[in-house]
Amino acid sequence: MKIAIPTAQGKLAMHFGHCETFTLIDVADQTITTTEEVQAPPHEPGLLPRWLGEKGVSHIIAGGMGQHAQQLFGNQNINVIVGAPAETASELVTRYLAGDLTTGINLCDH
């Protein structure tokens, strides 16, 4: 499993499509094995699903994401979790793996 989290200044970026970086976290046997921070590509509609799919991402944890973007990720077989709080990527993944990630409203309505 590879989880992507849009980040800015070390924490979840609340606007998915305009984040500074993505933190990519590999998970094996319910344990974080590697963490990598990669520069986000320039914002371009429809680019991120393909780009993250090519990086082997299977899950995204986000604060908010529009319905169309969620559909595009679904087309890449990437599961999307929205409504996550602004915490560090490792905290979010640890809580997700433990079944303890509390999500709220999708902070993006477009």
PDB file of N, CA and C in Angstrom:
ATOM      1  N   MET A   1       0.849  -1.167   0.000  1.00  0.00           N
ATOM      2  CA  MET A   1       0.000   0.000   0.000  1.00  0.00           C
ATOM      3  C   MET A   1       0.898   1.233   0.000  1.00  0.00           C
ATOM      4  N   LYS A   2       0.553   2.191  -0.843  1.00  0.00           N
ATOM      5  CA  LYS A   2       1.268   3.470  -0.856  1.00  0.00           C
ATOM      6  C   LYS A   2       0.225   4.561  -0.688  1.00  0.00           C
ATOM      7  N   ILE A   3       0.428   5.404   0.327  1.00  0.00           N
ATOM      8  CA  ILE A   3      -0.511   6.457   0.658  1.00  0.00           C
ATOM      9  C   ILE A   3       0.117   7.807   0.334  1.00  0.00           C
ATOM     10  N   ALA A   4      -0.627   8.648  -0.382  1.00  0.00           N
ATOM     11  CA  ALA A   4      -0.179  10.008  -0.696  1.00  0.00           C
ATOM     12  C   ALA A   4      -0.967  10.997   0.146  1.00  0.00           C
ATOM     13  N   ILE A   5      -0.244  11.974   0.684  1.00  0.00           N
ATOM     14  CA  ILE A   5      -0.876  13.023   1.476  1.00  0.00           C
ATOM     15  C   ILE A   5      -0.354  14.361   0.966  1.00  0.00           C
ATOM     16  N   PRO A   6      -1.265  15.263   0.553  1.00  0.00           N
ATOM     17  CA  PRO A   6      -0.832  16.591   0.130  1.00  0.00           C
ATOM     18  C   PRO A   6      -0.362  17.364   1.359  1.00  0.00           C
ATOM     19  N   THR A   7       0.850  17.910   1.296  1.00  0.00           N
ATOM     20  CA  THR A   7       1.395  18.582   2.474  1.00  0.00           C
ATOM     21  C   THR A   7       1.910  19.980   2.160  1.00  0.00           C
ATOM     22  N   ALA A   8       1.910  20.783   3.208  1.00  0.00           N
ATOM     23  CA  ALA A   8       2.492  22.129   3.185  1.00  0.00           C
ATOM     24  C   ALA A   8       3.008  22.399   4.590  1.00  0.00           C
ATOM     25  N   GLN A   9       4.234  22.794   4.689  1.00  0.00           N
ATOM     26  CA  GLN A   9       4.858  23.102   5.978  1.00  0.00           C
ATOM     27  C   GLN A   9       4.737  21.930   6.956  1.00  0.00           C
ATOM     28  N   GLY A  10       4.886  20.719   6.440  1.00  0.00           N
ATOM     29  CA  GLY A  10       4.927  19.536   7.275  1.00  0.00           C
ATOM     30  C   GLY A  10       3.596  18.942   7.694  1.00  0.00           C
ATOM     31  N   LYS A  11       2.494  19.572   7.308  1.00  0.00           N
ATOM     32  CA  LYS A  11       1.176  19.064   7.691  1.00  0.00           C
ATOM     33  C   LYS A  11       0.276  18.948   6.471  1.00  0.00           C
ATOM     34  N   LEU A  12      -0.857  18.274   6.661  1.00  0.00           N
ATOM     35  CA  LEU A  12      -1.829  18.114   5.592  1.00  0.00           C
ATOM     36  C   LEU A  12      -2.216  19.474   5.023  1.00  0.00           C
ATOM     37  N   ALA A  13      -2.096  19.626   3.713  1.00  0.00           N
ATOM     38  CA  ALA A  13      -2.547  20.834   3.019  1.00  0.00           C
ATOM     39  C   ALA A  13      -4.039  20.687   2.773  1.00  0.00           C
ATOM     40  N   MET A  14      -4.809  21.655   3.195  1.00  0.00           N
ATOM     41  CA  MET A  14      -6.254  21.514   3.122  1.00  0.00           C
ATOM     42  C   MET A  14      -6.819  21.649   1.711  1.00  0.00           C
ATOM     43  N   HIS A  15      -6.098  22.274   0.797  1.00  0.00           N
ATOM     44  CA  HIS A  15      -6.567  22.343  -0.590  1.00  0.00           C
ATOM     45  C   HIS A  15      -5.701  21.428  -1.435  1.00  0.00           C
ATOM     46  N   PHE A  16      -6.228  20.279  -1.749  1.00  0.00           N
ATOM     47  CA  PHE A  16      -5.490  19.200  -2.401  1.00  0.00           C
ATOM     48  C   PHE A  16      -4.750  19.622  -3.666  1.00  0.00           C
ATOM     49  N   GLY A  17      -5.438  20.280  -4.583  1.00  0.00           N
ATOM     50  CA  GLY A  17      -4.866  20.566  -5.897  1.00  0.00           C
ATOM     51  C   GLY A  17      -3.793  21.620  -5.926  1.00  0.00           C
ATOM     52  N   HIS A  18      -3.569  22.314  -4.820  1.00  0.00           N
ATOM     53  CA  HIS A  18      -2.587  23.391  -4.814  1.00  0.00           C
ATOM     54  C   HIS A  18      -1.553  23.232  -3.702  1.00  0.00           C
ATOM     55  N   CYS A  19      -1.238  21.982  -3.349  1.00  0.00           N
ATOM     56  CA  CYS A  19      -0.278  21.748  -2.272  1.00  0.00           C
ATOM     57  C   CYS A  19       1.149  21.950  -2.780  1.00  0.00           C
ATOM     58  N   GLU A  20       2.075  22.156  -1.829  1.00  0.00           N
ATOM     59  CA  GLU A  20       3.491  22.334  -2.162  1.00  0.00           C
ATOM     60  C   GLU A  20       4.159  21.003  -2.495  1.00  0.00           C
ATOM     61  N   THR A  21       3.850  20.007  -1.671  1.00  0.00           N
ATOM     62  CA  THR A  21       4.493  18.704  -1.807  1.00  0.00           C
ATOM     63  C   THR A  21       3.479  17.595  -1.542  1.00  0.00           C
ATOM     64  N   PHE A  22       3.870  16.399  -1.885  1.00  0.00           N
ATOM     65  CA  PHE A  22       3.140  15.205  -1.495  1.00  0.00           C
ATOM     66  C   PHE A  22       4.080  14.356  -0.669  1.00  0.00           C
ATOM     67  N   THR A  23       3.570  13.877   0.452  1.00  0.00           N
ATOM     68  CA  THR A  23       4.317  12.912   1.240  1.00  0.00           C
ATOM     69  C   THR A  23       3.788  11.543   0.841  1.00  0.00           C
ATOM     70  N   LEU A  24       4.684  10.699   0.346  1.00  0.00           N
ATOM     71  CA  LEU A  24       4.332   9.343  -0.086  1.00  0.00           C
ATOM     72  C   LEU A  24       4.835   8.369   0.964  1.00  0.00           C
ATOM     73  N   ILE A  25       3.924   7.582   1.495  1.00  0.00           N
ATOM     74  CA  ILE A  25       4.265   6.661   2.575  1.00  0.00           C
ATOM     75  C   ILE A  25       3.941   5.236   2.143  1.00  0.00           C
ATOM     76  N   ASP A  26       4.968   4.387   2.153  1.00  0.00           N
ATOM     77  CA  ASP A  26       4.782   2.964   1.862  1.00  0.00           C
ATOM     78  C   ASP A  26       4.452   2.234   3.151  1.00  0.00           C
ATOM     79  N   VAL A  27       3.507   1.293   3.050  1.00  0.00           N
ATOM     80  CA  VAL A  27       3.053   0.523   4.201  1.00  0.00           C
ATOM     81  C   VAL A  27       3.116  -0.954   3.847  1.00  0.00           C
ATOM     82  N   ALA A  28       3.675  -1.746   4.750  1.00  0.00           N
ATOM     83  CA  ALA A  28       3.679  -3.205   4.617  1.00  0.00           C
ATOM     84  C   ALA A  28       3.354  -3.792   5.985  1.00  0.00           C
ATOM     85  N   ASP A  29       2.489  -4.768   6.019  1.00  0.00           N
ATOM     86  CA  ASP A  29       2.093  -5.411   7.276  1.00  0.00           C
ATOM     87  C   ASP A  29       1.648  -4.395   8.320  1.00  0.00           C
ATOM     88  N   GLN A  30       0.844  -3.416   7.875  1.00  0.00           N
ATOM     89  CA  GLN A  30       0.281  -2.387   8.761  1.00  0.00           C
ATOM     90  C   GLN A  30       1.352  -1.525   9.435  1.00  0.00           C
ATOM     91  N   THR A  31       2.547  -1.435   8.814  1.00  0.00           N
ATOM     92  CA  THR A  31       3.653  -0.658   9.362  1.00  0.00           C
ATOM     93  C   THR A  31       4.210   0.265   8.283  1.00  0.00           C
ATOM     94  N   ILE A  32       4.511   1.504   8.658  1.00  0.00           N
ATOM     95  CA  ILE A  32       5.158   2.433   7.728  1.00  0.00           C
ATOM     96  C   ILE A  32       6.575   1.945   7.476  1.00  0.00           C
ATOM     97  N   THR A  33       6.905   1.749   6.187  1.00  0.00           N
ATOM     98  CA  THR A  33       8.246   1.259   5.851  1.00  0.00           C
ATOM     99  C   THR A  33       9.133   2.362   5.281  1.00  0.00           C
ATOM    100  N   THR A  34       8.564   3.234   4.442  1.00  0.00           N
ATOM    101  CA  THR A  34       9.340   4.355   3.907  1.00  0.00           C
ATOM    102  C   THR A  34       8.456   5.583   3.769  1.00  0.00           C
ATOM    103  N   THR A  35       9.104   6.725   3.883  1.00  0.00           N
ATOM    104  CA  THR A  35       8.426   8.009   3.706  1.00  0.00           C
ATOM    105  C   THR A  35       9.265   8.850   2.766  1.00  0.00           C
ATOM    106  N   GLU A  36       8.611   9.432   1.771  1.00  0.00           N
ATOM    107  CA  GLU A  36       9.306  10.259   0.782  1.00  0.00           C
ATOM    108  C   GLU A  36       8.473  11.508   0.524  1.00  0.00           C
ATOM    109  N   GLU A  37       9.138  12.647   0.490  1.00  0.00           N
ATOM    110  CA  GLU A  37       8.452  13.889   0.155  1.00  0.00           C
ATOM    111  C   GLU A  37       8.853  14.286  -1.257  1.00  0.00           C
ATOM    112  N   VAL A  38       7.846  14.501  -2.119  1.00  0.00           N
ATOM    113  CA  VAL A  38       8.126  14.866  -3.504  1.00  0.00           C
ATOM    114  C   VAL A  38       7.429  16.185  -3.831  1.00  0.00           C
ATOM    115  N   GLN A  39       8.089  16.974  -4.641  1.00  0.00           N
ATOM    116  CA  GLN A  39       7.530  18.247  -5.081  1.00  0.00           C
ATOM    117  C   GLN A  39       6.307  17.989  -5.954  1.00  0.00           C
ATOM    118  N   ALA A  40       5.241  18.704  -5.676  1.00  0.00           N
ATOM    119  CA  ALA A  40       4.030  18.562  -6.488  1.00  0.00           C
ATOM    120  C   ALA A  40       4.280  19.149  -7.876  1.00  0.00           C
ATOM    121  N   PRO A  41       3.716  18.543  -8.909  1.00  0.00           N
ATOM    122  CA  PRO A  41       3.856  19.117 -10.248  1.00  0.00           C
ATOM    123  C   PRO A  41       3.025  20.399 -10.342  1.00  0.00           C
ATOM    124  N   PRO A  42       3.281  21.215 -11.368  1.00  0.00           N
ATOM    125  CA  PRO A  42       2.456  22.411 -11.548  1.00  0.00           C
ATOM    126  C   PRO A  42       0.985  22.028 -11.665  1.00  0.00           C
ATOM    127  N   HIS A  43       0.114  22.858 -11.101  1.00  0.00           N
ATOM    128  CA  HIS A  43      -1.322  22.556 -11.119  1.00  0.00           C
ATOM    129  C   HIS A  43      -1.838  22.548 -12.553  1.00  0.00           C
ATOM    130  N   GLU A  44      -2.469  21.434 -12.901  1.00  0.00           N
ATOM    131  CA  GLU A  44      -3.065  21.265 -14.226  1.00  0.00           C
ATOM    132  C   GLU A  44      -4.233  20.295 -14.053  1.00  0.00           C
ATOM    133  N   PRO A  45      -5.431  20.685 -14.432  1.00  0.00           N
ATOM    134  CA  PRO A  45      -6.585  19.805 -14.245  1.00  0.00           C
ATOM    135  C   PRO A  45      -6.346  18.406 -14.823  1.00  0.00           C
ATOM    136  N   GLY A  46      -6.619  17.397 -14.016  1.00  0.00           N
ATOM    137  CA  GLY A  46      -6.514  16.014 -14.461  1.00  0.00           C
ATOM    138  C   GLY A  46      -5.136  15.400 -14.384  1.00  0.00           C
ATOM    139  N   LEU A  47      -4.102  16.182 -14.051  1.00  0.00           N
ATOM    140  CA  LEU A  47      -2.734  15.673 -14.030  1.00  0.00           C
ATOM    141  C   LEU A  47      -2.450  14.792 -12.806  1.00  0.00           C
ATOM    142  N   LEU A  48      -2.899  15.205 -11.631  1.00  0.00           N
ATOM    143  CA  LEU A  48      -2.525  14.507 -10.402  1.00  0.00           C
ATOM    144  C   LEU A  48      -2.954  13.037 -10.347  1.00  0.00           C
ATOM    145  N   PRO A  49      -4.149  12.674 -10.778  1.00  0.00           N
ATOM    146  CA  PRO A  49      -4.496  11.245 -10.731  1.00  0.00           C
ATOM    147  C   PRO A  49      -3.521  10.373 -11.528  1.00  0.00           C
ATOM    148  N   ARG A  50      -3.172  10.805 -12.703  1.00  0.00           N
ATOM    149  CA  ARG A  50      -2.232  10.037 -13.540  1.00  0.00           C
ATOM    150  C   ARG A  50      -0.837  10.032 -12.907  1.00  0.00           C
ATOM    151  N   TRP A  51      -0.377  11.187 -12.454  1.00  0.00           N
ATOM    152  CA  TRP A  51       0.957  11.343 -11.867  1.00  0.00           C
ATOM    153  C   TRP A  51       1.107  10.470 -10.620  1.00  0.00           C
ATOM    154  N   LEU A  52       0.120  10.526  -9.715  1.00  0.00           N
ATOM    155  CA  LEU A  52       0.193   9.711  -8.505  1.00  0.00           C
ATOM    156  C   LEU A  52       0.006   8.235  -8.821  1.00  0.00           C
ATOM    157  N   GLY A  53      -0.829   7.912  -9.804  1.00  0.00           N
ATOM    158  CA  GLY A  53      -0.986   6.528 -10.233  1.00  0.00           C
ATOM    159  C   GLY A  53       0.325   5.942 -10.735  1.00  0.00           C
ATOM    160  N   GLU A  54       1.072   6.737 -11.495  1.00  0.00           N
ATOM    161  CA  GLU A  54       2.377   6.290 -12.003  1.00  0.00           C
ATOM    162  C   GLU A  54       3.371   6.072 -10.876  1.00  0.00           C
ATOM    163  N   LYS A  55       3.176   6.731  -9.753  1.00  0.00           N
ATOM    164  CA  LYS A  55       4.059   6.566  -8.593  1.00  0.00           C
ATOM    165  C   LYS A  55       3.626   5.388  -7.722  1.00  0.00           C
ATOM    166  N   GLY A  56       2.553   4.682  -8.123  1.00  0.00           N
ATOM    167  CA  GLY A  56       2.116   3.497  -7.406  1.00  0.00           C
ATOM    168  C   GLY A  56       1.215   3.771  -6.207  1.00  0.00           C
ATOM    169  N   VAL A  57       0.647   4.966  -6.140  1.00  0.00           N
ATOM    170  CA  VAL A  57      -0.213   5.323  -5.011  1.00  0.00           C
ATOM    171  C   VAL A  57      -1.513   4.518  -5.064  1.00  0.00           C
ATOM    172  N   SER A  58      -1.908   3.981  -3.910  1.00  0.00           N
ATOM    173  CA  SER A  58      -3.157   3.219  -3.815  1.00  0.00           C
ATOM    174  C   SER A  58      -4.212   3.946  -2.987  1.00  0.00           C
ATOM    175  N   HIS A  59      -3.785   4.890  -2.139  1.00  0.00           N
ATOM    176  CA  HIS A  59      -4.689   5.624  -1.257  1.00  0.00           C
ATOM    177  C   HIS A  59      -4.252   7.089  -1.164  1.00  0.00           C
ATOM    178  N   ILE A  60      -5.224   7.964  -0.971  1.00  0.00           N
ATOM    179  CA  ILE A  60      -4.955   9.376  -0.697  1.00  0.00           C
ATOM    180  C   ILE A  60      -5.726   9.747   0.550  1.00  0.00           C
ATOM    181  N   ILE A  61      -5.054  10.461   1.450  1.00  0.00           N
ATOM    182  CA  ILE A  61      -5.730  11.050   2.600  1.00  0.00           C
ATOM    183  C   ILE A  61      -5.684  12.553   2.375  1.00  0.00           C
ATOM    184  N   ALA A  62      -6.867  13.181   2.340  1.00  0.00           N
ATOM    185  CA  ALA A  62      -6.958  14.607   2.015  1.00  0.00           C
ATOM    186  C   ALA A  62      -7.926  15.317   2.955  1.00  0.00           C
ATOM    187  N   GLY A  63      -7.770  16.636   3.029  1.00  0.00           N
ATOM    188  CA  GLY A  63      -8.727  17.447   3.772  1.00  0.00           C
ATOM    189  C   GLY A  63      -9.987  17.641   2.955  1.00  0.00           C
ATOM    190  N   GLY A  64      -9.795  17.979   1.701  1.00  0.00           N
ATOM    191  CA  GLY A  64     -10.921  18.190   0.816  1.00  0.00           C
ATOM    192  C   GLY A  64     -10.542  17.909  -0.622  1.00  0.00           C
ATOM    193  N   MET A  65     -11.540  17.502  -1.404  1.00  0.00           N
ATOM    194  CA  MET A  65     -11.310  17.217  -2.813  1.00  0.00           C
ATOM    195  C   MET A  65     -12.653  17.221  -3.523  1.00  0.00           C
ATOM    196  N   GLY A  66     -12.714  17.865  -4.671  1.00  0.00           N
ATOM    197  CA  GLY A  66     -13.939  17.916  -5.452  1.00  0.00           C
ATOM    198  C   GLY A  66     -14.363  16.547  -5.959  1.00  0.00           C
ATOM    199  N   GLN A  67     -15.647  16.422  -6.264  1.00  0.00           N
ATOM    200  CA  GLN A  67     -16.200  15.149  -6.729  1.00  0.00           C
ATOM    201  C   GLN A  67     -15.563  14.680  -8.033  1.00  0.00           C
ATOM    202  N   HIS A  68     -15.323  15.604  -8.950  1.00  0.00           N
ATOM    203  CA  HIS A  68     -14.726  15.216 -10.231  1.00  0.00           C
ATOM    204  C   HIS A  68     -13.330  14.636 -10.017  1.00  0.00           C
ATOM    205  N   ALA A  69     -12.541  15.273  -9.164  1.00  0.00           N
ATOM    206  CA  ALA A  69     -11.199  14.762  -8.876  1.00  0.00           C
ATOM    207  C   ALA A  69     -11.281  13.376  -8.239  1.00  0.00           C
ATOM    208  N   GLN A  70     -12.228  13.183  -7.328  1.00  0.00           N
ATOM    209  CA  GLN A  70     -12.386  11.869  -6.700  1.00  0.00           C
ATOM    210  C   GLN A  70     -12.712  10.802  -7.742  1.00  0.00           C
ATOM    211  N   GLN A  71     -13.529  11.156  -8.731  1.00  0.00           N
ATOM    212  CA  GLN A  71     -13.847  10.212  -9.804  1.00  0.00           C
ATOM    213  C   GLN A  71     -12.614   9.878 -10.630  1.00  0.00           C
ATOM    214  N   LEU A  72     -11.780  10.895 -10.913  1.00  0.00           N
ATOM    215  CA  LEU A  72     -10.563  10.660 -11.693  1.00  0.00           C
ATOM    216  C   LEU A  72      -9.606   9.739 -10.940  1.00  0.00           C
ATOM    217  N   PHE A  73      -9.503   9.928  -9.623  1.00  0.00           N
ATOM    218  CA  PHE A  73      -8.661   9.023  -8.832  1.00  0.00           C
ATOM    219  C   PHE A  73      -9.243   7.620  -8.815  1.00  0.00           C
ATOM    220  N   GLY A  74     -10.557   7.517  -8.724  1.00  0.00           N
ATOM    221  CA  GLY A  74     -11.203   6.210  -8.780  1.00  0.00           C
ATOM    222  C   GLY A  74     -10.893   5.489 -10.075  1.00  0.00           C
ATOM    223  N   ASN A  75     -10.825   6.233 -11.176  1.00  0.00           N
ATOM    224  CA  ASN A  75     -10.480   5.652 -12.475  1.00  0.00           C
ATOM    225  C   ASN A  75      -9.055   5.098 -12.488  1.00  0.00           C
ATOM    226  N   GLN A  76      -8.204   5.611 -11.586  1.00  0.00           N
ATOM    227  CA  GLN A  76      -6.822   5.131 -11.456  1.00  0.00           C
ATOM    228  C   GLN A  76      -6.707   4.058 -10.360  1.00  0.00           C
ATOM    229  N   ASN A  77      -7.872   3.611  -9.829  1.00  0.00           N
ATOM    230  CA  ASN A  77      -7.902   2.635  -8.730  1.00  0.00           C
ATOM    231  C   ASN A  77      -7.200   3.146  -7.474  1.00  0.00           C
ATOM    232  N   ILE A  78      -7.366   4.445  -7.216  1.00  0.00           N
ATOM    233  CA  ILE A  78      -6.811   5.071  -6.021  1.00  0.00           C
ATOM    234  C   ILE A  78      -7.976   5.418  -5.101  1.00  0.00           C
ATOM    235  N   ASN A  79      -7.943   4.876  -3.879  1.00  0.00           N
ATOM    236  CA  ASN A  79      -8.975   5.145  -2.876  1.00  0.00           C
ATOM    237  C   ASN A  79      -8.735   6.511  -2.245  1.00  0.00           C
ATOM    238  N   VAL A  80      -9.786   7.289  -2.080  1.00  0.00           N
ATOM    239  CA  VAL A  80      -9.677   8.640  -1.533  1.00  0.00           C
ATOM    240  C   VAL A  80     -10.413   8.728  -0.204  1.00  0.00           C
ATOM    241  N   ILE A  81      -9.722   9.233   0.806  1.00  0.00           N
ATOM    242  CA  ILE A  81     -10.309   9.511   2.112  1.00  0.00           C
ATOM    243  C   ILE A  81     -10.276  11.027   2.277  1.00  0.00           C
ATOM    244  N   VAL A  82     -11.431  11.659   2.452  1.00  0.00           N
ATOM    245  CA  VAL A  82     -11.488  13.112   2.605  1.00  0.00           C
ATOM    246  C   VAL A  82     -11.993  13.491   3.993  1.00  0.00           C
ATOM    247  N   GLY A  83     -11.729  14.739   4.354  1.00  0.00           N
ATOM    248  CA  GLY A  83     -12.176  15.252   5.639  1.00  0.00           C
ATOM    249  C   GLY A  83     -11.174  15.029   6.756  1.00  0.00           C
ATOM    250  N   ALA A  84      -9.919  14.729   6.394  1.00  0.00           N
ATOM    251  CA  ALA A  84      -8.888  14.491   7.402  1.00  0.00           C
ATOM    252  C   ALA A  84      -8.456  15.812   8.050  1.00  0.00           C
ATOM    253  N   PRO A  85      -7.999  15.744   9.299  1.00  0.00           N
ATOM    254  CA  PRO A  85      -7.543  16.951   9.990  1.00  0.00           C
ATOM    255  C   PRO A  85      -6.124  17.340   9.573  1.00  0.00           C
ATOM    256  N   ALA A  86      -5.741  18.572   9.849  1.00  0.00           N
ATOM    257  CA  ALA A  86      -4.416  19.092   9.486  1.00  0.00           C
ATOM    258  C   ALA A  86      -3.367  18.602  10.479  1.00  0.00           C
ATOM    259  N   GLU A  87      -2.900  17.375  10.264  1.00  0.00           N
ATOM    260  CA  GLU A  87      -1.855  16.769  11.080  1.00  0.00           C
ATOM    261  C   GLU A  87      -0.698  16.375  10.168  1.00  0.00           C
ATOM    262  N   THR A  88       0.377  15.867  10.751  1.00  0.00           N
ATOM    263  CA  THR A  88       1.498  15.419   9.927  1.00  0.00           C
ATOM    264  C   THR A  88       1.095  14.157   9.172  1.00  0.00           C
ATOM    265  N   ALA A  89       1.789  13.895   8.085  1.00  0.00           N
ATOM    266  CA  ALA A  89       1.483  12.722   7.262  1.00  0.00           C
ATOM    267  C   ALA A  89       1.628  11.441   8.060  1.00  0.00           C
ATOM    268  N   SER A  90       2.693  11.321   8.835  1.00  0.00           N
ATOM    269  CA  SER A  90       2.891  10.080   9.598  1.00  0.00           C
ATOM    270  C   SER A  90       1.801   9.897  10.654  1.00  0.00           C
ATOM    271  N   GLU A  91       1.344  10.971  11.286  1.00  0.00           N
ATOM    272  CA  GLU A  91       0.243  10.861  12.251  1.00  0.00           C
ATOM    273  C   GLU A  91      -1.030  10.370  11.559  1.00  0.00           C
ATOM    274  N   LEU A  92      -1.319  10.939  10.383  1.00  0.00           N
ATOM    275  CA  LEU A  92      -2.521  10.548   9.649  1.00  0.00           C
ATOM    276  C   LEU A  92      -2.487   9.084   9.247  1.00  0.00           C
ATOM    277  N   VAL A  93      -1.363   8.642   8.728  1.00  0.00           N
ATOM    278  CA  VAL A  93      -1.254   7.251   8.282  1.00  0.00           C
ATOM    279  C   VAL A  93      -1.305   6.297   9.476  1.00  0.00           C
ATOM    280  N   THR A  94      -0.633   6.639  10.549  1.00  0.00           N
ATOM    281  CA  THR A  94      -0.665   5.803  11.741  1.00  0.00           C
ATOM    282  C   THR A  94      -2.098   5.653  12.255  1.00  0.00           C
ATOM    283  N   ARG A  95      -2.819   6.738  12.298  1.00  0.00           N
ATOM    284  CA  ARG A  95      -4.212   6.695  12.754  1.00  0.00           C
ATOM    285  C   ARG A  95      -5.086   5.918  11.763  1.00  0.00           C
ATOM    286  N   TYR A  96      -4.846   6.094  10.463  1.00  0.00           N
ATOM    287  CA  TYR A  96      -5.610   5.357   9.449  1.00  0.00           C
ATOM    288  C   TYR A  96      -5.390   3.851   9.601  1.00  0.00           C
ATOM    289  N   LEU A  97      -4.140   3.444   9.757  1.00  0.00           N
ATOM    290  CA  LEU A  97      -3.822   2.023   9.889  1.00  0.00           C
ATOM    291  C   LEU A  97      -4.422   1.416  11.154  1.00  0.00           C
ATOM    292  N   ALA A  98      -4.532   2.228  12.197  1.00  0.00           N
ATOM    293  CA  ALA A  98      -5.102   1.751  13.455  1.00  0.00           C
ATOM    294  C   ALA A  98      -6.629   1.774  13.435  1.00  0.00           C
ATOM    295  N   GLY A  99      -7.213   2.301  12.348  1.00  0.00           N
ATOM    296  CA  GLY A  99      -8.663   2.418  12.272  1.00  0.00           C
ATOM    297  C   GLY A  99      -9.193   3.544  13.134  1.00  0.00           C
ATOM    298  N   ASP A 100      -8.319   4.504  13.436  1.00  0.00           N
ATOM    299  CA  ASP A 100      -8.638   5.574  14.368  1.00  0.00           C
ATOM    300  C   ASP A 100      -8.606   6.963  13.711  1.00  0.00           C
ATOM    301  N   LEU A 101      -8.662   7.004  12.391  1.00  0.00           N
ATOM    302  CA  LEU A 101      -8.640   8.303  11.704  1.00  0.00           C
ATOM    303  C   LEU A 101     -10.063   8.842  11.627  1.00  0.00           C
ATOM    304  N   THR A 102     -10.302   9.907  12.356  1.00  0.00           N
ATOM    305  CA  THR A 102     -11.616  10.534  12.354  1.00  0.00           C
ATOM    306  C   THR A 102     -11.639  11.584  11.260  1.00  0.00           C
ATOM    307  N   THR A 103     -12.599  11.467  10.357  1.00  0.00           N
ATOM    308  CA  THR A 103     -12.711  12.438   9.280  1.00  0.00           C
ATOM    309  C   THR A 103     -13.958  13.284   9.489  1.00  0.00           C
ATOM    310  N   GLY A 104     -13.888  14.509   8.989  1.00  0.00           N
ATOM    311  CA  GLY A 104     -15.018  15.414   9.080  1.00  0.00           C
ATOM    312  C   GLY A 104     -15.603  15.664   7.703  1.00  0.00           C
ATOM    313  N   ILE A 105     -16.017  16.880   7.483  1.00  0.00           N
ATOM    314  CA  ILE A 105     -16.618  17.241   6.201  1.00  0.00           C
ATOM    315  C   ILE A 105     -15.547  17.389   5.130  1.00  0.00           C
ATOM    316  N   ASN A 106     -15.938  17.159   3.899  1.00  0.00           N
ATOM    317  CA  ASN A 106     -15.082  17.393   2.754  1.00  0.00           C
ATOM    318  C   ASN A 106     -14.952  18.899   2.612  1.00  0.00           C
ATOM    319  N   LEU A 107     -13.736  19.414   2.762  1.00  0.00           N
ATOM    320  CA  LEU A 107     -13.542  20.859   2.765  1.00  0.00           C
ATOM    321  C   LEU A 107     -13.505  21.484   1.389  1.00  0.00           C
ATOM    322  N   CYS A 108     -13.793  20.699   0.364  1.00  0.00           N
ATOM    323  CA  CYS A 108     -13.796  21.205  -1.002  1.00  0.00           C
ATOM    324  C   CYS A 108     -15.142  20.871  -1.634  1.00  0.00           C
ATOM    325  N   ASP A 109     -15.803  21.868  -2.177  1.00  0.00           N
ATOM    326  CA  ASP A 109     -17.140  21.613  -2.712  1.00  0.00           C
ATOM    327  C   ASP A 109     -17.230  21.765  -4.225  1.00  0.00           C
ATOM    328  N   HIS A 110     -16.112  21.746  -4.922  1.00  0.00           N
ATOM    329  CA  HIS A 110     -16.187  21.841  -6.388  1.00  0.00           C
ATOM    330  C   HIS A 110     -15.657  20.606  -7.063  1.00  0.00           C
TER     331      HIS A 110
END
